[in-house]
Amino acid sequence: MGKVSKGVKCSVIGCNESAVRSINKNKIMNSDIKTTGERQVYLCRVHYKDLKKTSKKQDDIERIRWKG
């Protein structure tokens, strides 16, 4: 059992929702989400959805840049 299934709270400052996903902090560095935590960041449904939207845009730009 992981921490998410045990009921850890969202790591975003000011959010008290229960987390649904855990992500490495390096993947969140490029987003505007302010979090607490050292290595792993736990995100609720709303913040995970926002992260997916911003990372998809960045991944598309990176893919286009490498494809040429």
Protein backbone atom coordinates (compact mmCIF):
# COMPACT_ATOMS: atom_id res chain seq x y z
CA MET A 1 0.00 0.00 0.00
CA GLY A 2 1.24 3.42 -0.89
CA LYS A 3 0.70 6.73 0.80
CA VAL A 4 -2.04 7.77 -1.63
CA SER A 5 -4.19 4.79 -0.72
CA LYS A 6 -3.60 5.52 2.97
CA GLY A 7 -5.14 8.99 2.57
CA VAL A 8 -2.28 11.49 2.30
CA LYS A 9 -3.31 15.11 1.62
CA CYS A 10 -2.47 17.19 -1.46
CA SER A 11 1.01 18.78 -1.33
CA VAL A 12 -0.11 22.05 -2.93
CA ILE A 13 0.06 24.97 -0.52
CA GLY A 14 -3.45 25.88 0.63
CA CYS A 15 -5.16 22.67 -0.53
CA ASN A 16 -6.59 20.15 1.96
CA GLU A 17 -8.07 17.62 -0.47
CA SER A 18 -6.97 14.00 -0.43
CA ALA A 19 -4.35 13.06 -3.02
CA VAL A 20 -5.06 10.80 -6.00
CA ARG A 21 -1.58 10.73 -7.60
CA SER A 22 2.04 11.01 -6.57
CA ILE A 23 4.58 12.56 -8.94
CA ASN A 24 8.29 13.24 -8.83
CA LYS A 25 8.98 16.87 -7.93
CA ASN A 26 11.20 17.33 -11.01
CA LYS A 27 8.15 17.01 -13.28
CA ILE A 28 6.40 19.87 -11.48
CA MET A 29 9.32 22.33 -11.63
CA ASN A 30 8.09 23.91 -14.90
CA SER A 31 4.53 24.49 -13.73
CA ASP A 32 3.11 27.29 -11.59
CA ILE A 33 2.04 24.93 -8.81
CA LYS A 34 3.61 25.79 -5.43
CA THR A 35 4.16 22.63 -3.41
CA THR A 36 5.74 21.36 -0.24
CA GLY A 37 7.78 18.19 -0.11
CA GLU A 38 11.22 17.00 -1.03
CA ARG A 39 11.11 14.23 -3.65
CA GLN A 40 7.52 13.11 -4.08
CA VAL A 41 4.58 15.47 -4.51
CA TYR A 42 1.03 14.31 -3.90
CA LEU A 43 -1.72 15.92 -5.97
CA CYS A 44 -5.49 15.99 -5.68
CA ARG A 45 -7.71 15.53 -8.72
CA VAL A 46 -7.97 19.25 -9.56
CA HIS A 47 -4.25 19.99 -9.34
CA TYR A 48 -3.33 16.82 -11.24
CA LYS A 49 -5.67 17.85 -14.05
CA ASP A 50 -4.05 21.30 -14.19
CA LEU A 51 -0.59 19.72 -14.26
CA LYS A 52 -1.58 17.42 -17.13
CA LYS A 53 -2.81 20.40 -19.17
CA THR A 54 0.36 22.43 -18.71
CA SER A 55 2.71 19.49 -19.21
CA LYS A 56 0.89 18.44 -22.40
CA LYS A 57 1.50 21.87 -23.92
CA GLN A 58 5.17 21.76 -22.93
CA ASP A 59 5.59 18.22 -24.23
CA ASP A 60 4.06 19.19 -27.58
CA ILE A 61 6.44 22.13 -27.89
CA GLU A 62 9.40 19.92 -27.00
CA ARG A 63 8.31 17.25 -29.48
CA ILE A 64 8.01 19.81 -32.29
CA ARG A 65 11.39 21.27 -31.43
CA TRP A 66 13.13 17.87 -31.64
CA LYS A 67 11.23 16.73 -34.73
CA GLY A 68 12.38 19.74 -36.69
